[in-house]
Amino acid sequence: MTPKAILLNPGNHELFGWDELWGIPVLPDERVAAKRFRIDCDGSAFGIEEEVAEEITRREPIEVPVAPGLPAAPLTPGWPGIPQRDDHDSHGREPRHDP
């Protein structure tokens, strides 16, 4: 895909003073974080981070059946596709509270 533009944070754009690199326009864009850049092209996923974060926060905790004798704990979303147990170690045990 051919890039349409290189997007820089306005502060960085002003600091560098570039209008073009390798024939590609360099433009200021407030959506770009400082010390970062984005390539604007037809396949750009610009803004996808916010969409992923919204989807993760919308998911409800789920109950997963466990073997007899182990406590059931609700799973909460962690990284996409990797649920995390609340207040339990990797074996499903509650944390120890030493006196």
PDB file of N, CA and C in Angstrom:
ATOM      1  N   MET A   1       0.837  -1.179   0.000  1.00  0.00           N
ATOM      2  CA  MET A   1       0.000   0.000   0.000  1.00  0.00           C
ATOM      3  C   MET A   1       0.880   1.239   0.000  1.00  0.00           C
ATOM      4  N   THR A   2       0.496   2.154  -0.783  1.00  0.00           N
ATOM      5  CA  THR A   2       1.253   3.396  -0.892  1.00  0.00           C
ATOM      6  C   THR A   2       0.853   4.350   0.226  1.00  0.00           C
ATOM      7  N   PRO A   3       1.836   4.870   0.957  1.00  0.00           N
ATOM      8  CA  PRO A   3       1.499   5.826   2.024  1.00  0.00           C
ATOM      9  C   PRO A   3       1.005   7.147   1.447  1.00  0.00           C
ATOM     10  N   LYS A   4      -0.011   7.711   2.112  1.00  0.00           N
ATOM     11  CA  LYS A   4      -0.526   9.025   1.712  1.00  0.00           C
ATOM     12  C   LYS A   4       0.240  10.132   2.417  1.00  0.00           C
ATOM     13  N   ALA A   5       0.611   9.883   3.700  1.00  0.00           N
ATOM     14  CA  ALA A   5       1.310  10.910   4.483  1.00  0.00           C
ATOM     15  C   ALA A   5       1.953  10.272   5.707  1.00  0.00           C
ATOM     16  N   ILE A   6       2.944  10.971   6.254  1.00  0.00           N
ATOM     17  CA  ILE A   6       3.544  10.625   7.537  1.00  0.00           C
ATOM     18  C   ILE A   6       2.971  11.623   8.532  1.00  0.00           C
ATOM     19  N   LEU A   7       2.339  11.114   9.586  1.00  0.00           N
ATOM     20  CA  LEU A   7       1.683  11.980  10.563  1.00  0.00           C
ATOM     21  C   LEU A   7       2.540  12.084  11.820  1.00  0.00           C
ATOM     22  N   LEU A   8       2.773  13.309  12.267  1.00  0.00           N
ATOM     23  CA  LEU A   8       3.549  13.579  13.476  1.00  0.00           C
ATOM     24  C   LEU A   8       2.719  14.404  14.446  1.00  0.00           C
ATOM     25  N   ASN A   9       3.023  14.274  15.725  1.00  0.00           N
ATOM     26  CA  ASN A   9       2.456  15.160  16.725  1.00  0.00           C
ATOM     27  C   ASN A   9       2.824  16.595  16.324  1.00  0.00           C
ATOM     28  N   PRO A  10       1.917  17.572  16.465  1.00  0.00           N
ATOM     29  CA  PRO A  10       2.221  18.943  16.043  1.00  0.00           C
ATOM     30  C   PRO A  10       3.511  19.509  16.642  1.00  0.00           C
ATOM     31  N   GLY A  11       3.807  19.190  17.905  1.00  0.00           N
ATOM     32  CA  GLY A  11       5.042  19.679  18.518  1.00  0.00           C
ATOM     33  C   GLY A  11       6.273  19.113  17.837  1.00  0.00           C
ATOM     34  N   ASN A  12       6.228  17.814  17.519  1.00  0.00           N
ATOM     35  CA  ASN A  12       7.345  17.195  16.818  1.00  0.00           C
ATOM     36  C   ASN A  12       7.445  17.703  15.383  1.00  0.00           C
ATOM     37  N   HIS A  13       6.299  17.908  14.747  1.00  0.00           N
ATOM     38  CA  HIS A  13       6.301  18.422  13.377  1.00  0.00           C
ATOM     39  C   HIS A  13       6.980  19.785  13.334  1.00  0.00           C
ATOM     40  N   GLU A  14       6.646  20.637  14.292  1.00  0.00           N
ATOM     41  CA  GLU A  14       7.253  21.972  14.356  1.00  0.00           C
ATOM     42  C   GLU A  14       8.746  21.867  14.674  1.00  0.00           C
ATOM     43  N   LEU A  15       9.101  20.960  15.580  1.00  0.00           N
ATOM     44  CA  LEU A  15      10.500  20.784  15.970  1.00  0.00           C
ATOM     45  C   LEU A  15      11.356  20.315  14.792  1.00  0.00           C
ATOM     46  N   PHE A  16      10.872  19.314  14.052  1.00  0.00           N
ATOM     47  CA  PHE A  16      11.648  18.780  12.936  1.00  0.00           C
ATOM     48  C   PHE A  16      11.622  19.708  11.730  1.00  0.00           C
ATOM     49  N   GLY A  17      10.487  20.348  11.498  1.00  0.00           N
ATOM     50  CA  GLY A  17      10.370  21.264  10.373  1.00  0.00           C
ATOM     51  C   GLY A  17      10.304  20.575   9.018  1.00  0.00           C
ATOM     52  N   TRP A  18       9.970  19.306   8.984  1.00  0.00           N
ATOM     53  CA  TRP A  18       9.895  18.569   7.722  1.00  0.00           C
ATOM     54  C   TRP A  18       8.522  18.757   7.084  1.00  0.00           C
ATOM     55  N   ASP A  19       8.520  18.995   5.791  1.00  0.00           N
ATOM     56  CA  ASP A  19       7.275  19.057   5.029  1.00  0.00           C
ATOM     57  C   ASP A  19       7.111  17.820   4.155  1.00  0.00           C
ATOM     58  N   GLU A  20       8.245  17.125   3.937  1.00  0.00           N
ATOM     59  CA  GLU A  20       8.222  15.969   3.051  1.00  0.00           C
ATOM     60  C   GLU A  20       9.414  15.072   3.362  1.00  0.00           C
ATOM     61  N   LEU A  21       9.208  13.762   3.301  1.00  0.00           N
ATOM     62  CA  LEU A  21      10.287  12.776   3.424  1.00  0.00           C
ATOM     63  C   LEU A  21      10.111  11.751   2.317  1.00  0.00           C
ATOM     64  N   TRP A  22      11.158  11.535   1.529  1.00  0.00           N
ATOM     65  CA  TRP A  22      11.132  10.571   0.430  1.00  0.00           C
ATOM     66  C   TRP A  22       9.916  10.762  -0.484  1.00  0.00           C
ATOM     67  N   GLY A  23       9.520  12.003  -0.681  1.00  0.00           N
ATOM     68  CA  GLY A  23       8.388  12.311  -1.547  1.00  0.00           C
ATOM     69  C   GLY A  23       7.026  12.131  -0.892  1.00  0.00           C
ATOM     70  N   ILE A  24       7.009  11.817   0.405  1.00  0.00           N
ATOM     71  CA  ILE A  24       5.749  11.617   1.139  1.00  0.00           C
ATOM     72  C   ILE A  24       5.520  12.834   2.026  1.00  0.00           C
ATOM     73  N   PRO A  25       4.339  13.448   1.970  1.00  0.00           N
ATOM     74  CA  PRO A  25       4.074  14.616   2.815  1.00  0.00           C
ATOM     75  C   PRO A  25       4.156  14.270   4.304  1.00  0.00           C
ATOM     76  N   VAL A  26       4.726  15.175   5.092  1.00  0.00           N
ATOM     77  CA  VAL A  26       4.784  15.043   6.550  1.00  0.00           C
ATOM     78  C   VAL A  26       3.820  16.076   7.111  1.00  0.00           C
ATOM     79  N   LEU A  27       2.802  15.595   7.856  1.00  0.00           N
ATOM     80  CA  LEU A  27       1.735  16.473   8.328  1.00  0.00           C
ATOM     81  C   LEU A  27       1.583  16.409   9.846  1.00  0.00           C
ATOM     82  N   PRO A  28       1.203  17.533  10.473  1.00  0.00           N
ATOM     83  CA  PRO A  28       0.907  17.493  11.912  1.00  0.00           C
ATOM     84  C   PRO A  28      -0.476  16.882  12.142  1.00  0.00           C
ATOM     85  N   ASP A  29      -0.606  16.110  13.220  1.00  0.00           N
ATOM     86  CA  ASP A  29      -1.893  15.507  13.565  1.00  0.00           C
ATOM     87  C   ASP A  29      -1.952  15.361  15.081  1.00  0.00           C
ATOM     88  N   GLU A  30      -2.928  16.013  15.711  1.00  0.00           N
ATOM     89  CA  GLU A  30      -3.037  16.015  17.172  1.00  0.00           C
ATOM     90  C   GLU A  30      -3.350  14.642  17.754  1.00  0.00           C
ATOM     91  N   ARG A  31      -3.839  13.707  16.949  1.00  0.00           N
ATOM     92  CA  ARG A  31      -4.146  12.359  17.446  1.00  0.00           C
ATOM     93  C   ARG A  31      -2.889  11.531  17.685  1.00  0.00           C
ATOM     94  N   VAL A  32      -1.757  11.974  17.148  1.00  0.00           N
ATOM     95  CA  VAL A  32      -0.500  11.234  17.287  1.00  0.00           C
ATOM     96  C   VAL A  32       0.206  11.690  18.564  1.00  0.00           C
ATOM     97  N   ALA A  33       0.591  10.732  19.403  1.00  0.00           N
ATOM     98  CA  ALA A  33       1.283  11.050  20.657  1.00  0.00           C
ATOM     99  C   ALA A  33       2.667  11.623  20.368  1.00  0.00           C
ATOM    100  N   ALA A  34       3.169  12.416  21.303  1.00  0.00           N
ATOM    101  CA  ALA A  34       4.519  12.968  21.170  1.00  0.00           C
ATOM    102  C   ALA A  34       5.525  11.827  21.045  1.00  0.00           C
ATOM    103  N   LYS A  35       6.562  12.054  20.279  1.00  0.00           N
ATOM    104  CA  LYS A  35       7.644  11.086  20.035  1.00  0.00           C
ATOM    105  C   LYS A  35       7.162   9.853  19.281  1.00  0.00           C
ATOM    106  N   ARG A  36       6.037   9.944  18.613  1.00  0.00           N
ATOM    107  CA  ARG A  36       5.498   8.846  17.807  1.00  0.00           C
ATOM    108  C   ARG A  36       5.179   9.374  16.412  1.00  0.00           C
ATOM    109  N   PHE A  37       4.930   8.452  15.494  1.00  0.00           N
ATOM    110  CA  PHE A  37       4.489   8.835  14.165  1.00  0.00           C
ATOM    111  C   PHE A  37       3.505   7.789  13.670  1.00  0.00           C
ATOM    112  N   ARG A  38       2.756   8.128  12.648  1.00  0.00           N
ATOM    113  CA  ARG A  38       1.825   7.214  12.002  1.00  0.00           C
ATOM    114  C   ARG A  38       1.989   7.358  10.499  1.00  0.00           C
ATOM    115  N   ILE A  39       1.783   6.263   9.807  1.00  0.00           N
ATOM    116  CA  ILE A  39       1.770   6.290   8.353  1.00  0.00           C
ATOM    117  C   ILE A  39       0.304   6.229   7.940  1.00  0.00           C
ATOM    118  N   ASP A  40      -0.151   7.232   7.215  1.00  0.00           N
ATOM    119  CA  ASP A  40      -1.528   7.275   6.737  1.00  0.00           C
ATOM    120  C   ASP A  40      -1.581   6.585   5.381  1.00  0.00           C
ATOM    121  N   CYS A  41      -2.338   5.473   5.317  1.00  0.00           N
ATOM    122  CA  CYS A  41      -2.514   4.760   4.053  1.00  0.00           C
ATOM    123  C   CYS A  41      -3.892   4.098   4.074  1.00  0.00           C
ATOM    124  N   ASP A  42      -4.278   3.494   2.957  1.00  0.00           N
ATOM    125  CA  ASP A  42      -5.602   2.880   2.864  1.00  0.00           C
ATOM    126  C   ASP A  42      -5.797   1.752   3.871  1.00  0.00           C
ATOM    127  N   GLY A  43      -4.735   1.063   4.262  1.00  0.00           N
ATOM    128  CA  GLY A  43      -4.850  -0.047   5.198  1.00  0.00           C
ATOM    129  C   GLY A  43      -4.588   0.342   6.638  1.00  0.00           C
ATOM    130  N   SER A  44      -4.544   1.630   6.931  1.00  0.00           N
ATOM    131  CA  SER A  44      -4.221   2.094   8.276  1.00  0.00           C
ATOM    132  C   SER A  44      -5.294   1.681   9.274  1.00  0.00           C
ATOM    133  N   ALA A  45      -4.845   1.233  10.447  1.00  0.00           N
ATOM    134  CA  ALA A  45      -5.759   0.862  11.528  1.00  0.00           C
ATOM    135  C   ALA A  45      -5.765   1.950  12.591  1.00  0.00           C
ATOM    136  N   PHE A  46      -5.607   3.195  12.179  1.00  0.00           N
ATOM    137  CA  PHE A  46      -5.527   4.312  13.112  1.00  0.00           C
ATOM    138  C   PHE A  46      -6.794   4.367  13.950  1.00  0.00           C
ATOM    139  N   GLY A  47      -6.638   4.408  15.262  1.00  0.00           N
ATOM    140  CA  GLY A  47      -7.777   4.452  16.167  1.00  0.00           C
ATOM    141  C   GLY A  47      -8.226   3.091  16.659  1.00  0.00           C
ATOM    142  N   ILE A  48      -7.627   2.018  16.154  1.00  0.00           N
ATOM    143  CA  ILE A  48      -8.064   0.679  16.550  1.00  0.00           C
ATOM    144  C   ILE A  48      -7.828   0.412  18.032  1.00  0.00           C
ATOM    145  N   GLU A  49      -6.815   1.064  18.617  1.00  0.00           N
ATOM    146  CA  GLU A  49      -6.528   0.847  20.037  1.00  0.00           C
ATOM    147  C   GLU A  49      -7.734   1.196  20.896  1.00  0.00           C
ATOM    148  N   GLU A  50      -8.395   2.305  20.593  1.00  0.00           N
ATOM    149  CA  GLU A  50      -9.565   2.721  21.362  1.00  0.00           C
ATOM    150  C   GLU A  50     -10.715   1.731  21.177  1.00  0.00           C
ATOM    151  N   GLU A  51     -10.909   1.234  19.954  1.00  0.00           N
ATOM    152  CA  GLU A  51     -11.982   0.278  19.705  1.00  0.00           C
ATOM    153  C   GLU A  51     -11.751  -1.017  20.473  1.00  0.00           C
ATOM    154  N   VAL A  52     -10.509  -1.492  20.505  1.00  0.00           N
ATOM    155  CA  VAL A  52     -10.190  -2.717  21.235  1.00  0.00           C
ATOM    156  C   VAL A  52     -10.423  -2.510  22.730  1.00  0.00           C
ATOM    157  N   ALA A  53      -9.976  -1.384  23.267  1.00  0.00           N
ATOM    158  CA  ALA A  53     -10.159  -1.098  24.696  1.00  0.00           C
ATOM    159  C   ALA A  53     -11.645  -1.047  25.056  1.00  0.00           C
ATOM    160  N   GLU A  54     -12.467  -0.440  24.202  1.00  0.00           N
ATOM    161  CA  GLU A  54     -13.910  -0.375  24.453  1.00  0.00           C
ATOM    162  C   GLU A  54     -14.524  -1.768  24.469  1.00  0.00           C
ATOM    163  N   GLU A  55     -14.128  -2.610  23.523  1.00  0.00           N
ATOM    164  CA  GLU A  55     -14.676  -3.962  23.443  1.00  0.00           C
ATOM    165  C   GLU A  55     -14.305  -4.771  24.682  1.00  0.00           C
ATOM    166  N   ILE A  56     -13.090  -4.638  25.150  1.00  0.00           N
ATOM    167  CA  ILE A  56     -12.644  -5.382  26.326  1.00  0.00           C
ATOM    168  C   ILE A  56     -13.433  -4.959  27.561  1.00  0.00           C
ATOM    169  N   THR A  57     -13.674  -3.662  27.728  1.00  0.00           N
ATOM    170  CA  THR A  57     -14.390  -3.189  28.917  1.00  0.00           C
ATOM    171  C   THR A  57     -15.871  -3.549  28.878  1.00  0.00           C
ATOM    172  N   ARG A  58     -16.423  -3.845  27.720  1.00  0.00           N
ATOM    173  CA  ARG A  58     -17.833  -4.215  27.604  1.00  0.00           C
ATOM    174  C   ARG A  58     -18.112  -5.648  28.036  1.00  0.00           C
ATOM    175  N   ARG A  59     -17.116  -6.487  28.038  1.00  0.00           N
ATOM    176  CA  ARG A  59     -17.330  -7.904  28.336  1.00  0.00           C
ATOM    177  C   ARG A  59     -17.625  -8.114  29.816  1.00  0.00           C
ATOM    178  N   GLU A  60     -18.563  -9.002  30.072  1.00  0.00           N
ATOM    179  CA  GLU A  60     -18.961  -9.337  31.434  1.00  0.00           C
ATOM    180  C   GLU A  60     -18.084 -10.476  31.955  1.00  0.00           C
ATOM    181  N   PRO A  61     -17.790 -10.487  33.266  1.00  0.00           N
ATOM    182  CA  PRO A  61     -17.070 -11.633  33.841  1.00  0.00           C
ATOM    183  C   PRO A  61     -17.890 -12.904  33.657  1.00  0.00           C
ATOM    184  N   ILE A  62     -17.219 -14.042  33.502  1.00  0.00           N
ATOM    185  CA  ILE A  62     -17.910 -15.311  33.307  1.00  0.00           C
ATOM    186  C   ILE A  62     -17.547 -16.273  34.429  1.00  0.00           C
ATOM    187  N   GLU A  63     -18.461 -17.208  34.712  1.00  0.00           N
ATOM    188  CA  GLU A  63     -18.203 -18.273  35.678  1.00  0.00           C
ATOM    189  C   GLU A  63     -17.740 -19.489  34.886  1.00  0.00           C
ATOM    190  N   VAL A  64     -16.661 -20.104  35.345  1.00  0.00           N
ATOM    191  CA  VAL A  64     -16.137 -21.301  34.702  1.00  0.00           C
ATOM    192  C   VAL A  64     -16.195 -22.433  35.713  1.00  0.00           C
ATOM    193  N   PRO A  65     -16.780 -23.586  35.328  1.00  0.00           N
ATOM    194  CA  PRO A  65     -16.836 -24.695  36.278  1.00  0.00           C
ATOM    195  C   PRO A  65     -15.423 -25.187  36.592  1.00  0.00           C
ATOM    196  N   VAL A  66     -15.206 -25.580  37.855  1.00  0.00           N
ATOM    197  CA  VAL A  66     -13.903 -26.098  38.274  1.00  0.00           C
ATOM    198  C   VAL A  66     -14.093 -27.470  38.899  1.00  0.00           C
ATOM    199  N   ALA A  67     -12.996 -28.173  39.097  1.00  0.00           N
ATOM    200  CA  ALA A  67     -13.043 -29.506  39.693  1.00  0.00           C
ATOM    201  C   ALA A  67     -13.623 -29.425  41.101  1.00  0.00           C
ATOM    202  N   PRO A  68     -14.268 -30.503  41.575  1.00  0.00           N
ATOM    203  CA  PRO A  68     -14.814 -30.502  42.937  1.00  0.00           C
ATOM    204  C   PRO A  68     -13.729 -30.181  43.960  1.00  0.00           C
ATOM    205  N   GLY A  69     -14.099 -29.382  44.951  1.00  0.00           N
ATOM    206  CA  GLY A  69     -13.168 -29.036  46.013  1.00  0.00           C
ATOM    207  C   GLY A  69     -12.412 -27.744  45.775  1.00  0.00           C
ATOM    208  N   LEU A  70     -12.430 -27.243  44.553  1.00  0.00           N
ATOM    209  CA  LEU A  70     -11.761 -25.971  44.270  1.00  0.00           C
ATOM    210  C   LEU A  70     -12.809 -24.869  44.209  1.00  0.00           C
ATOM    211  N   PRO A  71     -12.501 -23.699  44.716  1.00  0.00           N
ATOM    212  CA  PRO A  71     -13.479 -22.604  44.674  1.00  0.00           C
ATOM    213  C   PRO A  71     -13.644 -22.079  43.253  1.00  0.00           C
ATOM    214  N   ALA A  72     -14.865 -21.717  42.918  1.00  0.00           N
ATOM    215  CA  ALA A  72     -15.118 -21.092  41.622  1.00  0.00           C
ATOM    216  C   ALA A  72     -14.852 -19.608  41.763  1.00  0.00           C
ATOM    217  N   ALA A  73     -14.147 -19.060  40.818  1.00  0.00           N
ATOM    218  CA  ALA A  73     -13.848 -17.627  40.849  1.00  0.00           C
ATOM    219  C   ALA A  73     -14.236 -17.027  39.512  1.00  0.00           C
ATOM    220  N   PRO A  74     -14.857 -15.862  39.521  1.00  0.00           N
ATOM    221  CA  PRO A  74     -15.184 -15.233  38.240  1.00  0.00           C
ATOM    222  C   PRO A  74     -13.905 -14.859  37.506  1.00  0.00           C
ATOM    223  N   LEU A  75     -13.939 -15.031  36.204  1.00  0.00           N
ATOM    224  CA  LEU A  75     -12.808 -14.622  35.380  1.00  0.00           C
ATOM    225  C   LEU A  75     -13.064 -13.213  34.893  1.00  0.00           C
ATOM    226  N   THR A  76     -12.037 -12.421  34.890  1.00  0.00           N
ATOM    227  CA  THR A  76     -12.160 -11.061  34.386  1.00  0.00           C
ATOM    228  C   THR A  76     -11.276 -10.934  33.167  1.00  0.00           C
ATOM    229  N   PRO A  77     -11.671 -10.115  32.205  1.00  0.00           N
ATOM    230  CA  PRO A  77     -10.858  -9.979  31.004  1.00  0.00           C
ATOM    231  C   PRO A  77      -9.483  -9.408  31.330  1.00  0.00           C
ATOM    232  N   GLY A  78      -8.464 -10.035  30.789  1.00  0.00           N
ATOM    233  CA  GLY A  78      -7.099  -9.514  30.881  1.00  0.00           C
ATOM    234  C   GLY A  78      -6.710  -9.088  29.478  1.00  0.00           C
ATOM    235  N   TRP A  79      -5.597  -9.574  29.023  1.00  0.00           N
ATOM    236  CA  TRP A  79      -5.226  -9.332  27.628  1.00  0.00           C
ATOM    237  C   TRP A  79      -6.236 -10.062  26.771  1.00  0.00           C
ATOM    238  N   PRO A  80      -6.502  -9.592  25.557  1.00  0.00           N
ATOM    239  CA  PRO A  80      -7.503 -10.248  24.717  1.00  0.00           C
ATOM    240  C   PRO A  80      -7.245 -11.751  24.616  1.00  0.00           C
ATOM    241  N   GLY A  81      -8.262 -12.529  24.967  1.00  0.00           N
ATOM    242  CA  GLY A  81      -8.167 -13.971  24.875  1.00  0.00           C
ATOM    243  C   GLY A  81      -7.463 -14.638  26.047  1.00  0.00           C
ATOM    244  N   ILE A  82      -6.965 -13.875  27.016  1.00  0.00           N
ATOM    245  CA  ILE A  82      -6.272 -14.452  28.166  1.00  0.00           C
ATOM    246  C   ILE A  82      -6.969 -13.975  29.436  1.00  0.00           C
ATOM    247  N   PRO A  83      -7.938 -14.762  29.940  1.00  0.00           N
ATOM    248  CA  PRO A  83      -8.628 -14.340  31.158  1.00  0.00           C
ATOM    249  C   PRO A  83      -7.718 -14.451  32.372  1.00  0.00           C
ATOM    250  N   GLN A  84      -8.010 -13.676  33.399  1.00  0.00           N
ATOM    251  CA  GLN A  84      -7.237 -13.668  34.638  1.00  0.00           C
ATOM    252  C   GLN A  84      -8.156 -14.063  35.783  1.00  0.00           C
ATOM    253  N   ARG A  85      -7.661 -14.866  36.735  1.00  0.00           N
ATOM    254  CA  ARG A  85      -8.452 -15.224  37.915  1.00  0.00           C
ATOM    255  C   ARG A  85      -8.344 -14.108  38.933  1.00  0.00           C
ATOM    256  N   ASP A  86      -9.458 -13.788  39.585  1.00  0.00           N
ATOM    257  CA  ASP A  86      -9.467 -12.795  40.656  1.00  0.00           C
ATOM    258  C   ASP A  86      -9.097 -13.471  41.974  1.00  0.00           C
ATOM    259  N   ASP A  87      -8.129 -12.939  42.694  1.00  0.00           N
ATOM    260  CA  ASP A  87      -7.773 -13.388  44.040  1.00  0.00           C
ATOM    261  C   ASP A  87      -7.421 -14.871  44.134  1.00  0.00           C
ATOM    262  N   HIS A  88      -6.874 -15.469  43.106  1.00  0.00           N
ATOM    263  CA  HIS A  88      -6.453 -16.860  43.138  1.00  0.00           C
ATOM    264  C   HIS A  88      -5.127 -16.976  42.392  1.00  0.00           C
ATOM    265  N   ASP A  89      -4.330 -17.977  42.793  1.00  0.00           N
ATOM    266  CA  ASP A  89      -3.076 -18.180  42.074  1.00  0.00           C
ATOM    267  C   ASP A  89      -3.340 -18.992  40.809  1.00  0.00           C
ATOM    268  N   SER A  90      -2.293 -19.398  40.106  1.00  0.00           N
ATOM    269  CA  SER A  90      -2.462 -20.095  38.833  1.00  0.00           C
ATOM    270  C   SER A  90      -3.080 -21.482  38.993  1.00  0.00           C
ATOM    271  N   HIS A  91      -3.154 -22.013  40.238  1.00  0.00           N
ATOM    272  CA  HIS A  91      -3.755 -23.318  40.479  1.00  0.00           C
ATOM    273  C   HIS A  91      -5.172 -23.196  41.040  1.00  0.00           C
ATOM    274  N   GLY A  92      -5.712 -21.999  41.092  1.00  0.00           N
ATOM    275  CA  GLY A  92      -7.067 -21.794  41.578  1.00  0.00           C
ATOM    276  C   GLY A  92      -7.171 -21.667  43.079  1.00  0.00           C
ATOM    277  N   ARG A  93      -6.025 -21.634  43.772  1.00  0.00           N
ATOM    278  CA  ARG A  93      -6.045 -21.526  45.231  1.00  0.00           C
ATOM    279  C   ARG A  93      -6.100 -20.065  45.644  1.00  0.00           C
ATOM    280  N   GLU A  94      -6.778 -19.830  46.763  1.00  0.00           N
ATOM    281  CA  GLU A  94      -6.806 -18.476  47.307  1.00  0.00           C
ATOM    282  C   GLU A  94      -5.427 -18.127  47.844  1.00  0.00           C
ATOM    283  N   PRO A  95      -5.049 -16.860  47.839  1.00  0.00           N
ATOM    284  CA  PRO A  95      -3.726 -16.480  48.333  1.00  0.00           C
ATOM    285  C   PRO A  95      -3.588 -16.754  49.826  1.00  0.00           C
ATOM    286  N   ARG A  96      -2.373 -17.113  50.238  1.00  0.00           N
ATOM    287  CA  ARG A  96      -2.106 -17.359  51.661  1.00  0.00           C
ATOM    288  C   ARG A  96      -1.984 -16.039  52.392  1.00  0.00           C
ATOM    289  N   HIS A  97      -2.497 -16.034  53.599  1.00  0.00           N
ATOM    290  CA  HIS A  97      -2.358 -14.862  54.461  1.00  0.00           C
ATOM    291  C   HIS A  97      -1.595 -15.311  55.694  1.00  0.00           C
ATOM    292  N   ASP A  98      -0.285 -15.148  55.669  1.00  0.00           N
ATOM    293  CA  ASP A  98       0.548 -15.574  56.793  1.00  0.00           C
ATOM    294  C   ASP A  98       0.298 -14.672  57.995  1.00  0.00           C
ATOM    295  N   PRO A  99       0.239 -15.295  59.217  1.00  0.00           N
ATOM    296  CA  PRO A  99      -0.017 -14.487  60.431  1.00  0.00           C
ATOM    297  C   PRO A  99       1.123 -13.549  60.744  1.00  0.00           C
TER     298      PRO A  99
END
